[in-house]
């Protein structure tokens, strides 16, 4: 007679993982909000508001260090969760945000605009993902 194999009980994330996850959620939420403000501010500029262009530039400058912070926290989270995807996502976001700001300052809009759309989508996805069950990392 075969011995039944019992499934492993679900594992719980460590305290370090949960603290890192909550930190990531907060910085990813702020980051996503600022990324979403970017097309709104540049749209206001196109409607004639120079102050909106200044806001767009300031937010872009703030996003560079913020994406680097999010990247650092995201890499720690990826190590704790033993998952590569989020770590790659935050690293790509940090690098491309720096490139994006450079493209904006040199007015290379043919690349700046579509890259901006992709960055908004990636930042929003990372924020939404951080609140999903997959981010918690409990395996069954």
Protein backbone atom coordinates (compact mmCIF):
# COMPACT_ATOMS: atom_id res chain seq x y z
CA UNK A 1 0.00 0.00 0.00
CA UNK A 2 1.33 3.39 -0.94
CA UNK A 3 1.91 5.96 1.75
CA UNK A 4 -0.05 9.15 1.17
CA UNK A 5 2.09 12.20 0.60
CA UNK A 6 1.06 15.18 2.63
CA UNK A 7 1.30 18.58 1.02
CA UNK A 8 3.60 21.09 2.61
CA UNK A 9 1.71 23.63 4.69
CA UNK A 10 1.58 27.13 3.22
CA UNK A 11 4.63 29.13 4.18
CA UNK A 12 4.31 32.56 5.69
CA UNK A 13 6.42 35.49 4.61
CA UNK A 14 9.07 36.57 7.12
CA UNK A 15 8.78 39.80 9.08
CA UNK A 16 11.59 41.26 6.97
CA UNK A 17 9.69 40.36 3.80
CA UNK A 18 6.48 41.99 5.05
CA UNK A 19 8.27 45.15 6.19
CA UNK A 20 10.05 45.39 2.84
CA UNK A 21 6.79 44.74 0.99
CA UNK A 22 4.99 47.53 2.87
CA UNK A 23 7.89 49.90 2.21
CA UNK A 24 7.79 48.95 -1.46
CA UNK A 25 4.03 49.49 -1.59
CA UNK A 26 4.36 53.01 -0.19
CA UNK A 27 7.19 54.13 -2.49
CA UNK A 28 5.58 52.42 -5.50
CA UNK A 29 2.29 54.20 -4.77
CA UNK A 30 4.00 57.60 -4.59
CA UNK A 31 6.02 56.77 -7.69
CA UNK A 32 2.94 55.70 -9.67
CA UNK A 33 1.06 58.85 -8.65
CA UNK A 34 3.93 61.04 -9.85
CA UNK A 35 4.22 59.11 -13.10
CA UNK A 36 0.48 59.54 -13.71
CA UNK A 37 0.82 63.30 -13.09
CA UNK A 38 3.39 63.59 -15.88
CA UNK A 39 1.00 63.29 -18.87
CA UNK A 40 -1.54 65.45 -17.04
CA UNK A 41 0.99 68.21 -16.47
CA UNK A 42 2.31 68.15 -20.02
CA UNK A 43 -1.27 68.14 -21.33
CA UNK A 44 -1.91 71.29 -19.30
CA UNK A 45 1.23 72.82 -20.80
CA UNK A 46 -0.10 72.07 -24.28
CA UNK A 47 -3.25 73.94 -23.28
CA UNK A 48 -1.11 77.02 -22.58
CA UNK A 49 0.11 76.77 -18.97
CA UNK A 50 3.84 77.37 -18.57
CA UNK A 51 3.55 76.53 -14.87
CA UNK A 52 2.47 73.03 -15.90
CA UNK A 53 5.67 72.64 -17.93
CA UNK A 54 7.69 73.63 -14.86
CA UNK A 55 5.72 71.09 -12.80
CA UNK A 56 6.43 68.42 -15.44
CA UNK A 57 10.14 69.17 -15.24
CA UNK A 58 10.25 69.18 -11.43
CA UNK A 59 8.32 65.90 -11.17
CA UNK A 60 10.67 64.34 -13.73
CA UNK A 61 13.62 65.38 -11.59
CA UNK A 62 11.98 63.92 -8.48
CA UNK A 63 11.23 60.64 -10.22
CA UNK A 64 14.90 59.85 -10.85
CA UNK A 65 15.90 59.44 -7.17
CA UNK A 66 12.47 58.02 -6.30
CA UNK A 67 12.75 55.27 -8.92
CA UNK A 68 16.24 54.50 -7.65
CA UNK A 69 14.86 54.18 -4.10
CA UNK A 70 11.99 52.03 -5.37
CA UNK A 71 14.53 49.96 -7.29
CA UNK A 72 16.64 49.39 -4.21
CA UNK A 73 13.64 48.36 -2.10
CA UNK A 74 12.32 46.26 -4.99
CA UNK A 75 15.60 44.40 -5.34
CA UNK A 76 15.61 43.61 -1.61
CA UNK A 77 12.01 42.43 -1.94
CA UNK A 78 12.92 40.25 -4.94
CA UNK A 79 15.71 38.61 -2.93
CA UNK A 80 13.47 38.02 0.09
CA UNK A 81 10.65 36.67 -2.09
CA UNK A 82 13.08 34.68 -4.26
CA UNK A 83 11.45 36.08 -7.40
CA UNK A 84 13.32 37.70 -10.25
CA UNK A 85 10.45 39.51 -12.02
CA UNK A 86 9.86 42.44 -9.67
CA UNK A 87 13.59 43.01 -9.28
CA UNK A 88 14.04 43.24 -13.03
CA UNK A 89 10.99 45.52 -13.35
CA UNK A 90 12.19 48.06 -10.80
CA UNK A 91 15.74 48.06 -12.15
CA UNK A 92 14.49 48.67 -15.70
CA UNK A 93 12.20 51.43 -14.45
CA UNK A 94 15.05 53.19 -12.64
CA UNK A 95 17.37 53.10 -15.65
CA UNK A 96 14.72 54.09 -18.18
CA UNK A 97 13.48 56.96 -16.00
CA UNK A 98 16.97 58.45 -15.98
CA UNK A 99 17.15 58.04 -19.77
CA UNK A 100 13.67 59.58 -20.07
CA UNK A 101 14.66 62.74 -18.19
CA UNK A 102 17.71 63.12 -20.41
CA UNK A 103 15.59 62.70 -23.54
CA UNK A 104 13.15 65.31 -22.28
CA UNK A 105 15.88 67.86 -21.58
CA UNK A 106 17.35 67.34 -25.06
CA UNK A 107 13.83 67.57 -26.55
CA UNK A 108 13.98 64.23 -28.34
CA UNK A 109 10.22 63.92 -28.23
CA UNK A 110 9.99 61.12 -30.81
CA UNK A 111 11.43 58.80 -28.14
CA UNK A 112 10.47 60.76 -25.00
CA UNK A 113 6.70 60.54 -25.55
CA UNK A 114 6.32 56.78 -26.25
CA UNK A 115 8.88 55.92 -23.57
CA UNK A 116 6.87 58.07 -21.15
CA UNK A 117 3.74 56.07 -21.93
CA UNK A 118 5.61 52.82 -21.28
CA UNK A 119 7.03 54.16 -17.99
CA UNK A 120 3.59 55.21 -16.73
CA UNK A 121 2.27 51.74 -17.55
CA UNK A 122 5.22 49.99 -15.88
CA UNK A 123 5.01 52.14 -12.74
CA UNK A 124 1.25 51.54 -12.50
CA UNK A 125 1.74 47.79 -13.00
CA UNK A 126 4.41 47.61 -10.28
CA UNK A 127 2.13 49.48 -7.88
CA UNK A 128 -0.86 47.23 -8.61
CA UNK A 129 1.33 44.11 -8.43
CA UNK A 130 2.62 45.15 -4.99
CA UNK A 131 -0.92 44.87 -3.60
CA UNK A 132 -1.57 41.46 -5.20
CA UNK A 133 -1.28 38.12 -3.46
CA UNK A 134 1.72 37.28 -5.64
CA UNK A 135 3.73 40.08 -4.03
CA UNK A 136 3.15 38.65 -0.58
CA UNK A 137 4.91 35.52 -1.72
CA UNK A 138 3.10 32.97 0.42
CA UNK A 139 3.43 29.69 -1.44
CA UNK A 140 1.01 26.83 -1.21
